[in-house]
Structures are given as C-alpha cells and as structure tokens.
C-alpha atoms as a PDB file:
ATOM      1  CA  MET A   1       6.334 -24.964  -0.183  1.00  0.00           C
ATOM      2  CA  SER A   2       8.638 -26.395   2.519  1.00  0.00           C
ATOM      3  CA  SER A   3      11.502 -28.775   1.816  1.00  0.00           C
ATOM      4  CA  ALA A   4       9.745 -31.459   3.872  1.00  0.00           C
ATOM      5  CA  VAL A   5       6.632 -31.229   1.689  1.00  0.00           C
ATOM      6  CA  GLU A   6       8.727 -31.235  -1.483  1.00  0.00           C
ATOM      7  CA  ALA A   7      10.654 -34.284  -0.282  1.00  0.00           C
ATOM      8  CA  ALA A   8       7.430 -36.100   0.559  1.00  0.00           C
ATOM      9  CA  ILE A   9       6.078 -35.362  -2.909  1.00  0.00           C
ATOM     10  CA  SER A  10       9.318 -36.560  -4.536  1.00  0.00           C
ATOM     11  CA  CYS A  11       9.060 -39.797  -2.525  1.00  0.00           C
ATOM     12  CA  SER A  12       5.548 -40.422  -3.830  1.00  0.00           C
ATOM     13  CA  LYS A  13       6.360 -39.894  -7.519  1.00  0.00           C
ATOM     14  CA  VAL A  14       6.611 -43.075  -9.627  1.00  0.00           C
ATOM     15  CA  ASP A  15       8.039 -43.024 -13.155  1.00  0.00           C
ATOM     16  CA  VAL A  16       6.224 -45.466 -15.402  1.00  0.00           C
ATOM     17  CA  PRO A  17       8.705 -46.910 -17.899  1.00  0.00           C
ATOM     18  CA  ALA A  18       7.743 -47.141 -21.539  1.00  0.00           C
ATOM     19  CA  ALA A  19       8.739 -50.795 -21.567  1.00  0.00           C
ATOM     20  CA  PRO A  20       9.599 -53.429 -18.944  1.00  0.00           C
ATOM     21  CA  GLU A  21      13.217 -53.294 -17.744  1.00  0.00           C
ATOM     22  CA  PRO A  22      15.434 -56.129 -16.604  1.00  0.00           C
ATOM     23  CA  GLU A  23      15.500 -56.606 -12.838  1.00  0.00           C
ATOM     24  CA  GLU A  24      19.174 -55.532 -12.644  1.00  0.00           C
ATOM     25  CA  ALA A  25      18.464 -52.230 -14.445  1.00  0.00           C
ATOM     26  CA  ALA A  26      15.393 -51.480 -12.320  1.00  0.00           C
ATOM     27  CA  ALA A  27      17.315 -52.163  -9.101  1.00  0.00           C
ATOM     28  CA  ALA A  28      20.154 -49.914 -10.248  1.00  0.00           C
ATOM     29  CA  LYS A  29      17.733 -47.077 -11.020  1.00  0.00           C
ATOM     30  CA  VAL A  30      16.142 -47.309  -7.563  1.00  0.00           C
ATOM     31  CA  LYS A  31      19.593 -47.344  -5.919  1.00  0.00           C
ATOM     32  CA  ASN A  32      20.712 -44.291  -7.926  1.00  0.00           C
ATOM     33  CA  ALA A  33      17.517 -42.403  -7.032  1.00  0.00           C
ATOM     34  CA  ALA A  34      18.052 -43.081  -3.329  1.00  0.00           C
ATOM     35  CA  ALA A  35      21.652 -41.932  -3.562  1.00  0.00           C
ATOM     36  CA  GLU A  36      20.601 -38.754  -5.389  1.00  0.00           C
ATOM     37  CA  HIS A  37      18.321 -37.803  -2.479  1.00  0.00           C
ATOM     38  CA  GLY A  38      21.007 -38.602   0.066  1.00  0.00           C
ATOM     39  CA  GLY A  39      19.075 -41.643   1.289  1.00  0.00           C
ATOM     40  CA  ASP A  40      16.442 -39.473   3.022  1.00  0.00           C
ATOM     41  CA  ALA A  41      13.792 -36.858   2.416  1.00  0.00           C
ATOM     42  CA  ALA A  42      13.946 -33.883   4.776  1.00  0.00           C
ATOM     43  CA  ASN A  43      15.441 -36.160   7.483  1.00  0.00           C
ATOM     44  CA  GLY A  44      12.805 -38.838   6.818  1.00  0.00           C
ATOM     45  CA  LYS A  45      13.530 -41.890   4.643  1.00  0.00           C
ATOM     46  CA  CYS A  46      11.371 -42.426   1.570  1.00  0.00           C
ATOM     47  CA  GLY A  47       8.731 -44.994   2.205  1.00  0.00           C
ATOM     48  CA  GLU A  48       8.762 -44.379   5.978  1.00  0.00           C
ATOM     49  CA  ALA A  49       6.328 -42.204   7.921  1.00  0.00           C
ATOM     50  CA  MET A  50       7.455 -38.599   8.264  1.00  0.00           C
ATOM     51  CA  PRO A  51       8.036 -37.534  11.897  1.00  0.00           C
ATOM     52  CA  PRO A  52       5.287 -35.231  13.254  1.00  0.00           C
ATOM     53  CA  PRO A  53       6.056 -31.508  13.581  1.00  0.00           C
ATOM     54  CA  PRO A  54       7.047 -30.215  17.019  1.00  0.00           C
ATOM     55  CA  HIS A  55       4.047 -29.658  19.289  1.00  0.00           C
ATOM     56  CA  CYS A  56       3.622 -25.971  20.075  1.00  0.00           C
ATOM     57  CA  HIS A  57       2.270 -25.109  23.463  1.00  0.00           C
ATOM     58  CA  GLU A  58       2.233 -22.200  25.891  1.00  0.00           C
ATOM     59  CA  ASP A  59       3.726 -22.625  29.311  1.00  0.00           C
ATOM     60  CA  GLU A  60       1.305 -21.598  32.028  1.00  0.00           C
ATOM     61  CA  GLU A  61       2.216 -18.258  33.500  1.00  0.00           C
ATOM     62  CA  ASP A  62       3.720 -18.547  36.947  1.00  0.00           C
ATOM     63  CA  GLU A  63       1.317 -16.843  39.292  1.00  0.00           C
ATOM     64  CA  GLU A  64       4.069 -15.271  41.377  1.00  0.00           C
ATOM     65  CA  GLU A  65       6.382 -14.392  38.495  1.00  0.00           C
ATOM     66  CA  ALA A  66       6.789 -10.655  38.092  1.00  0.00           C
ATOM     67  CA  PRO A  67       5.815  -9.515  34.577  1.00  0.00           C
ATOM     68  CA  LYS A  68       8.081  -7.468  32.397  1.00  0.00           C
ATOM     69  CA  VAL A  69       6.938  -3.915  33.057  1.00  0.00           C
ATOM     70  CA  ILE A  70       7.731  -1.005  30.778  1.00  0.00           C
ATOM     71  CA  ASP A  71       9.346   1.821  32.708  1.00  0.00           C
ATOM     72  CA  LEU A  72       7.015   4.782  32.314  1.00  0.00           C
ATOM     73  CA  GLY A  73       9.030   7.010  34.621  1.00  0.00           C
ATOM     74  CA  PRO A  74       8.052   8.366  38.023  1.00  0.00           C
ATOM     75  CA  ARG A  75       4.387   8.595  38.971  1.00  0.00           C
ATOM     76  CA  VAL A  76       2.930  12.102  38.717  1.00  0.00           C
ATOM     77  CA  SER A  77       0.072  13.546  40.758  1.00  0.00           C
ATOM     78  CA  ILE A  78      -3.198  14.391  39.021  1.00  0.00           C
ATOM     79  CA  LYS A  79      -2.705  18.102  39.527  1.00  0.00           C
ATOM     80  CA  ASP A  80       0.791  17.941  38.021  1.00  0.00           C
ATOM     81  CA  GLN A  81      -0.493  15.878  35.083  1.00  0.00           C
ATOM     82  CA  LEU A  82      -3.119  18.487  34.214  1.00  0.00           C
ATOM     83  CA  GLU A  83      -0.597  21.294  34.628  1.00  0.00           C
ATOM     84  CA  LYS A  84       1.914  19.478  32.418  1.00  0.00           C
ATOM     85  CA  ASP A  85      -0.652  18.893  29.668  1.00  0.00           C
ATOM     86  CA  LYS A  86      -2.296  22.317  29.746  1.00  0.00           C
ATOM     87  CA  ASP A  87      -0.831  23.223  26.331  1.00  0.00           C
ATOM     88  CA  ASP A  88      -2.123  20.005  24.719  1.00  0.00           C
ATOM     89  CA  GLU A  89      -5.833  20.734  24.308  1.00  0.00           C
ATOM     90  CA  SER A  90      -6.941  17.233  23.251  1.00  0.00           C
ATOM     91  CA  LEU A  91      -4.942  15.462  25.963  1.00  0.00           C
ATOM     92  CA  ARG A  92      -6.122  17.892  28.623  1.00  0.00           C
ATOM     93  CA  ARG A  93      -9.775  17.378  27.627  1.00  0.00           C
ATOM     94  CA  TRP A  94      -9.350  13.581  27.648  1.00  0.00           C
ATOM     95  CA  LYS A  95      -7.910  13.628  31.174  1.00  0.00           C
ATOM     96  CA  GLU A  96     -10.592  16.012  32.403  1.00  0.00           C
ATOM     97  CA  GLN A  97     -13.226  13.686  30.964  1.00  0.00           C
ATOM     98  CA  LEU A  98     -11.546  10.719  32.659  1.00  0.00           C
ATOM     99  CA  LEU A  99     -11.352  12.539  35.977  1.00  0.00           C
ATOM    100  CA  GLY A 100     -14.920  13.815  35.813  1.00  0.00           C
ATOM    101  CA  SER A 101     -15.949  15.666  38.958  1.00  0.00           C
ATOM    102  CA  VAL A 102     -12.861  14.818  41.013  1.00  0.00           C
ATOM    103  CA  ASP A 103     -12.007  17.392  43.663  1.00  0.00           C
ATOM    104  CA  LEU A 104      -8.396  18.173  42.752  1.00  0.00           C
ATOM    105  CA  ASN A 105      -7.930  20.168  45.946  1.00  0.00           C
ATOM    106  CA  SER A 106      -8.274  16.987  48.003  1.00  0.00           C
ATOM    107  CA  VAL A 107      -6.483  14.416  45.824  1.00  0.00           C
ATOM    108  CA  GLY A 108      -4.315  16.357  43.431  1.00  0.00           C
ATOM    109  CA  GLU A 109      -1.049  16.117  45.381  1.00  0.00           C
ATOM    110  CA  THR A 110      -1.147  12.359  46.099  1.00  0.00           C
ATOM    111  CA  LEU A 111       0.953  10.080  43.909  1.00  0.00           C
ATOM    112  CA  GLU A 112      -0.245   6.579  44.824  1.00  0.00           C
ATOM    113  CA  PRO A 113      -3.802   5.489  44.024  1.00  0.00           C
ATOM    114  CA  ASP A 114      -5.852   3.753  46.682  1.00  0.00           C
ATOM    115  CA  VAL A 115      -8.319   1.023  45.706  1.00  0.00           C
ATOM    116  CA  LYS A 116     -10.714  -0.521  48.223  1.00  0.00           C
ATOM    117  CA  ILE A 117     -12.754  -3.582  47.301  1.00  0.00           C
ATOM    118  CA  MET A 118     -16.042  -2.844  49.015  1.00  0.00           C
ATOM    119  CA  SER A 119     -18.128  -5.894  48.104  1.00  0.00           C
ATOM    120  CA  LEU A 120     -17.964  -9.198  46.234  1.00  0.00           C
ATOM    121  CA  SER A 121     -21.085 -11.066  45.162  1.00  0.00           C
ATOM    122  CA  ILE A 122     -22.123 -13.991  42.961  1.00  0.00           C
ATOM    123  CA  LEU A 123     -25.136 -13.580  40.674  1.00  0.00           C
ATOM    124  CA  SER A 124     -27.029 -16.572  39.293  1.00  0.00           C
ATOM    125  CA  PRO A 125     -30.377 -16.388  37.438  1.00  0.00           C
ATOM    126  CA  GLY A 126     -33.349 -17.276  39.617  1.00  0.00           C
ATOM    127  CA  ARG A 127     -31.300 -17.219  42.823  1.00  0.00           C
ATOM    128  CA  PRO A 128     -30.739 -14.596  45.512  1.00  0.00           C
ATOM    129  CA  ASP A 129     -27.381 -12.860  45.117  1.00  0.00           C
ATOM    130  CA  ILE A 130     -24.625 -14.389  47.259  1.00  0.00           C
ATOM    131  CA  PHE A 131     -22.780 -11.604  49.094  1.00  0.00           C
ATOM    132  CA  LEU A 132     -19.323 -12.546  50.341  1.00  0.00           C
ATOM    133  CA  PRO A 133     -18.369 -10.837  53.603  1.00  0.00           C
ATOM    134  CA  LEU A 134     -15.432  -8.446  53.562  1.00  0.00           C
ATOM    135  CA  PRO A 135     -12.968  -8.115  55.110  1.00  0.00           C
ATOM    136  CA  VAL A 136     -12.187 -11.816  55.353  1.00  0.00           C
ATOM    137  CA  GLU A 137     -10.849 -13.018  58.685  1.00  0.00           C
ATOM    138  CA  PRO A 138      -7.182 -14.047  58.221  1.00  0.00           C
ATOM    139  CA  ASN A 139      -7.594 -17.549  59.696  1.00  0.00           C
ATOM    140  CA  ALA A 140     -11.240 -18.091  58.850  1.00  0.00           C
ATOM    141  CA  LYS A 141     -12.228 -21.734  58.426  1.00  0.00           C
ATOM    142  CA  GLY A 142     -15.221 -23.393  56.820  1.00  0.00           C
ATOM    143  CA  VAL A 143     -16.959 -23.108  53.467  1.00  0.00           C
ATOM    144  CA  TRP A 144     -17.454 -19.540  52.243  1.00  0.00           C
ATOM    145  CA  PHE A 145     -20.269 -20.364  49.810  1.00  0.00           C
ATOM    146  CA  THR A 146     -21.850 -23.258  47.893  1.00  0.00           C
ATOM    147  CA  LEU A 147     -22.780 -23.366  44.202  1.00  0.00           C
ATOM    148  CA  LYS A 148     -24.929 -25.795  42.247  1.00  0.00           C
ATOM    149  CA  GLU A 149     -23.197 -27.800  39.524  1.00  0.00           C
ATOM    150  CA  GLY A 150     -23.847 -26.719  35.933  1.00  0.00           C
ATOM    151  CA  SER A 151     -25.240 -23.320  36.964  1.00  0.00           C
ATOM    152  CA  PRO A 152     -24.601 -20.042  35.113  1.00  0.00           C
ATOM    153  CA  TYR A 153     -23.158 -17.264  37.254  1.00  0.00           C
ATOM    154  CA  ARG A 154     -21.468 -13.868  37.158  1.00  0.00           C
ATOM    155  CA  LEU A 155     -19.174 -12.134  39.640  1.00  0.00           C
ATOM    156  CA  LYS A 156     -19.923  -8.590  40.738  1.00  0.00           C
ATOM    157  CA  PHE A 157     -17.274  -6.300  42.239  1.00  0.00           C
ATOM    158  CA  THR A 158     -17.878  -2.955  43.909  1.00  0.00           C
ATOM    159  CA  PHE A 159     -14.789  -0.864  44.609  1.00  0.00           C
ATOM    160  CA  SER A 160     -13.695   2.692  45.256  1.00  0.00           C
ATOM    161  CA  VAL A 161     -10.709   4.583  43.831  1.00  0.00           C
ATOM    162  CA  SER A 162      -9.133   7.578  45.537  1.00  0.00           C
ATOM    163  CA  ASN A 163      -5.978   9.717  45.462  1.00  0.00           C
ATOM    164  CA  ASN A 164      -4.878   9.021  41.871  1.00  0.00           C
ATOM    165  CA  ILE A 165      -5.647   7.130  38.659  1.00  0.00           C
ATOM    166  CA  VAL A 166      -5.266   3.349  38.951  1.00  0.00           C
ATOM    167  CA  SER A 167      -4.016   1.791  35.715  1.00  0.00           C
ATOM    168  CA  GLY A 168      -4.752  -1.752  34.577  1.00  0.00           C
ATOM    169  CA  LEU A 169      -6.753  -2.918  37.561  1.00  0.00           C
ATOM    170  CA  ARG A 170      -7.348  -6.660  37.197  1.00  0.00           C
ATOM    171  CA  TYR A 171      -8.769  -9.631  39.039  1.00  0.00           C
ATOM    172  CA  THR A 172      -7.146 -13.075  39.202  1.00  0.00           C
ATOM    173  CA  ASN A 173      -8.625 -16.230  40.677  1.00  0.00           C
ATOM    174  CA  THR A 174      -6.830 -19.560  41.090  1.00  0.00           C
ATOM    175  CA  VAL A 175      -8.723 -22.692  42.152  1.00  0.00           C
ATOM    176  CA  TRP A 176      -7.441 -26.020  43.515  1.00  0.00           C
ATOM    177  CA  LYS A 177      -9.203 -29.342  44.155  1.00  0.00           C
ATOM    178  CA  THR A 178      -7.512 -31.993  46.277  1.00  0.00           C
ATOM    179  CA  GLY A 179      -4.248 -30.078  45.919  1.00  0.00           C
ATOM    180  CA  LEU A 180      -4.313 -29.859  42.097  1.00  0.00           C
ATOM    181  CA  LYS A 181      -4.763 -26.589  40.248  1.00  0.00           C
ATOM    182  CA  VAL A 182      -7.967 -26.929  38.217  1.00  0.00           C
ATOM    183  CA  ASP A 183      -8.701 -23.386  37.072  1.00  0.00           C
ATOM    184  CA  ARG A 184      -7.085 -19.977  36.713  1.00  0.00           C
ATOM    185  CA  ALA A 185      -9.101 -16.948  35.620  1.00  0.00           C
ATOM    186  CA  LYS A 186      -7.922 -13.417  34.858  1.00  0.00           C
ATOM    187  CA  GLU A 187     -10.209 -10.474  34.178  1.00  0.00           C
ATOM    188  CA  MET A 188      -8.988  -7.003  33.185  1.00  0.00           C
ATOM    189  CA  LEU A 189     -11.256  -4.463  34.846  1.00  0.00           C
ATOM    190  CA  GLY A 190      -9.647  -1.351  33.298  1.00  0.00           C
ATOM    191  CA  THR A 191      -8.236   2.050  34.254  1.00  0.00           C
ATOM    192  CA  PHE A 192     -10.179   4.166  36.737  1.00  0.00           C
ATOM    193  CA  SER A 193      -9.917   7.696  38.070  1.00  0.00           C
ATOM    194  CA  PRO A 194     -10.695   8.664  41.664  1.00  0.00           C
ATOM    195  CA  GLN A 195     -14.298   9.592  42.339  1.00  0.00           C
ATOM    196  CA  LEU A 196     -16.690   9.837  45.248  1.00  0.00           C
ATOM    197  CA  GLU A 197     -19.105   7.189  43.969  1.00  0.00           C
ATOM    198  CA  PRO A 198     -17.951   3.531  43.941  1.00  0.00           C
ATOM    199  CA  TYR A 199     -17.437   1.625  40.706  1.00  0.00           C
ATOM    200  CA  THR A 200     -19.326  -1.576  39.853  1.00  0.00           C
ATOM    201  CA  TYR A 201     -17.994  -4.267  37.530  1.00  0.00           C
ATOM    202  CA  VAL A 202     -19.785  -7.469  36.472  1.00  0.00           C
ATOM    203  CA  THR A 203     -17.818 -10.275  34.779  1.00  0.00           C
ATOM    204  CA  PRO A 204     -19.032 -12.179  31.697  1.00  0.00           C
ATOM    205  CA  GLU A 205     -21.260 -15.174  32.442  1.00  0.00           C
ATOM    206  CA  ASP A 206     -19.587 -18.492  33.247  1.00  0.00           C
ATOM    207  CA  THR A 207     -20.905 -21.946  34.247  1.00  0.00           C
ATOM    208  CA  THR A 208     -19.893 -24.116  37.171  1.00  0.00           C
ATOM    209  CA  PRO A 209     -18.550 -27.565  36.238  1.00  0.00           C
ATOM    210  CA  SER A 210     -20.875 -30.552  36.570  1.00  0.00           C
ATOM    211  CA  GLY A 211     -20.632 -34.280  37.091  1.00  0.00           C
ATOM    212  CA  MET A 212     -19.594 -36.606  39.886  1.00  0.00           C
ATOM    213  CA  PHE A 213     -15.924 -35.572  39.750  1.00  0.00           C
ATOM    214  CA  ALA A 214     -16.779 -31.850  39.758  1.00  0.00           C
ATOM    215  CA  ARG A 215     -18.681 -32.023  43.031  1.00  0.00           C
ATOM    216  CA  GLY A 216     -16.845 -31.470  46.270  1.00  0.00           C
ATOM    217  CA  SER A 217     -14.744 -28.880  48.068  1.00  0.00           C
ATOM    218  CA  TYR A 218     -12.376 -26.416  46.444  1.00  0.00           C
ATOM    219  CA  SER A 219      -9.814 -23.933  47.727  1.00  0.00           C
ATOM    220  CA  ALA A 220      -9.169 -20.637  45.965  1.00  0.00           C
ATOM    221  CA  ARG A 221      -7.076 -17.487  46.041  1.00  0.00           C
ATOM    222  CA  THR A 222      -8.412 -14.192  44.674  1.00  0.00           C
ATOM    223  CA  LYS A 223      -6.308 -11.084  44.052  1.00  0.00           C
ATOM    224  CA  PHE A 224      -6.897  -7.549  42.812  1.00  0.00           C
ATOM    225  CA  LEU A 225      -3.760  -5.945  41.346  1.00  0.00           C
ATOM    226  CA  ASP A 226      -2.767  -3.065  39.076  1.00  0.00           C
ATOM    227  CA  ASP A 227      -0.137  -2.646  36.339  1.00  0.00           C
ATOM    228  CA  ASP A 228       2.546  -2.130  38.987  1.00  0.00           C
ATOM    229  CA  ARG A 229       1.496  -5.423  40.640  1.00  0.00           C
ATOM    230  CA  LYS A 230       0.398  -3.511  43.701  1.00  0.00           C
ATOM    231  CA  CYS A 231      -2.033  -5.831  45.483  1.00  0.00           C
ATOM    232  CA  TYR A 232      -5.159  -4.191  46.883  1.00  0.00           C
ATOM    233  CA  LEU A 233      -6.802  -7.379  48.116  1.00  0.00           C
ATOM    234  CA  GLU A 234      -5.750 -11.011  48.482  1.00  0.00           C
ATOM    235  CA  ILE A 235      -8.103 -13.569  49.998  1.00  0.00           C
ATOM    236  CA  ASN A 236      -7.880 -17.323  50.466  1.00  0.00           C
ATOM    237  CA  TYR A 237     -11.088 -19.292  50.949  1.00  0.00           C
ATOM    238  CA  THR A 238     -12.911 -22.569  50.337  1.00  0.00           C
ATOM    239  CA  PHE A 239     -16.205 -23.251  48.549  1.00  0.00           C
ATOM    240  CA  ASP A 240     -18.311 -26.251  47.554  1.00  0.00           C
ATOM    241  CA  ILE A 241     -19.976 -27.396  44.349  1.00  0.00           C
ATOM    242  CA  ARG A 242     -22.974 -29.632  45.090  1.00  0.00           C
ATOM    243  CA  ARG A 243     -25.780 -31.369  43.214  1.00  0.00           C
ATOM    244  CA  GLU A 244     -28.319 -28.804  44.423  1.00  0.00           C
ATOM    245  CA  TRP A 245     -28.324 -25.272  45.787  1.00  0.00           C
ATOM    246  CA  PRO A 246     -28.228 -25.023  49.561  1.00  0.00           C
ATOM    247  CA  SER A 247     -31.487 -24.304  51.318  1.00  0.00           C
ATOM    248  CA  THR A 248     -32.221 -20.597  51.773  1.00  0.00           C
ATOM    249  CA  SER A 249     -34.549 -21.158  54.728  1.00  0.00           C
END
C-alpha cells in the first residue's frame, strides 16, 4: 500500500468519542492530529482533493530518428556463414532450411542483400485489385488512387531478395491531411533469404476512415527498410478518400 493511499485512509478515519467533549477539547484534538501528520497527507492536505497521478504517455517516435542498433559485427557472406557454422549441426541445418534452394555459387560471396519491391496493390472485398505502378516518377503529380470511406482493405507487397539474407525487413507508411499527420503505420515483414522466386506479403485487414471530415485528399510517404535502416524504396504520393468508389468503366 502506498503512502498516498495510507494518508488518504488516515484522513477519512473519524474517532467517535464515548461522550460529548467540550468545544475547546475537541478543537485541541483536531489541531494536535493535524500537527501529528505534518499538516498534510502525502503532499495533499486532509479534507482537500488529492492531486491526480502523473499522466504517462509515450512520445511518438521521430520518423527520421536513427534507432539504437546493437552492433552485431561485420556482415558475413552466406558462403562464409555456412562454412563458419559447419561444426554446429543444428545451426547449419537451420540456415540451410532458411536458404532453401539458393545457388551459393552465384550469391555466396556478396555481403549486402538486395531487395527490390516489384509490385504494390490494394485488395478490397468485392472490388478489382488496385495495382500501383512502380517505379514511381520522381515528380509525379495527381492522385495515385481513390478509396471508398469505411471500406475494408489489405495491402499486398511482392518483392525479391538477392545476394544475401535481409534481416528485419519492414514497411512504414505516414499519412498527412491538410499538413497534419493523421496516421503512421509500421508492419514488420520478417527476415528473408535470397531466392529466385519473389516473395508475397499481405498485411492484416484495415478499414478506411469514414465521415465528412475523413473525405478528401491525403499525402503519404511509404518506405521499405531493414534492421540497418537501409532503404530499398521510398515513395511520396497522394490519394483520395471519397463517398463512393470511382467508376471502373
């Protein structure tokens, strides 16, 4: 039990005397009790409202702030990793399972992974998939796509990995409306080994906002980064949220 709670309880206790006391004696007893508690209860006077506890909150992560990264030492090629772990049977099998059918003769000496985002699309039940053209023109203007308010949707990414294992690949998306940041999403995609076939990742279902104030134009920035904050794609674009889906004709 905290001192503040104890003090509050002590403030609420009332001793019922066995018999009425003269006013002078009762006043003296109250004065002595106040003096005994130092005139306050856990920095709050008896009979007055206790101050509320400090409000705990998390500061929003600065998008451009570099995270604290644990130094894992120099990057090692896939071939060197397998050679280094050849005496550890379980670790070697795990890495071989992760690598699958990778041709070590073509990628084994390369240290840096290479990730290429091949396609981005928006999936919504009952609607044709919206494919977003890549690469995006640097100074492209106009609305990239339009969504209906209050509609469920998922994002689908198709990407390739070559040269080496990419660790902690993630997607971030920041959205502004009339210059104010209104949403920031982060999705951890995972760790991927190089392979010939592209990977496909679909995000959990989300819903577009609805209502008069939700409709309108938005600007957004999307990034794909890894644990080393190496950026494989960064795009800036605009989109609309409207009352109805745009015509497909």
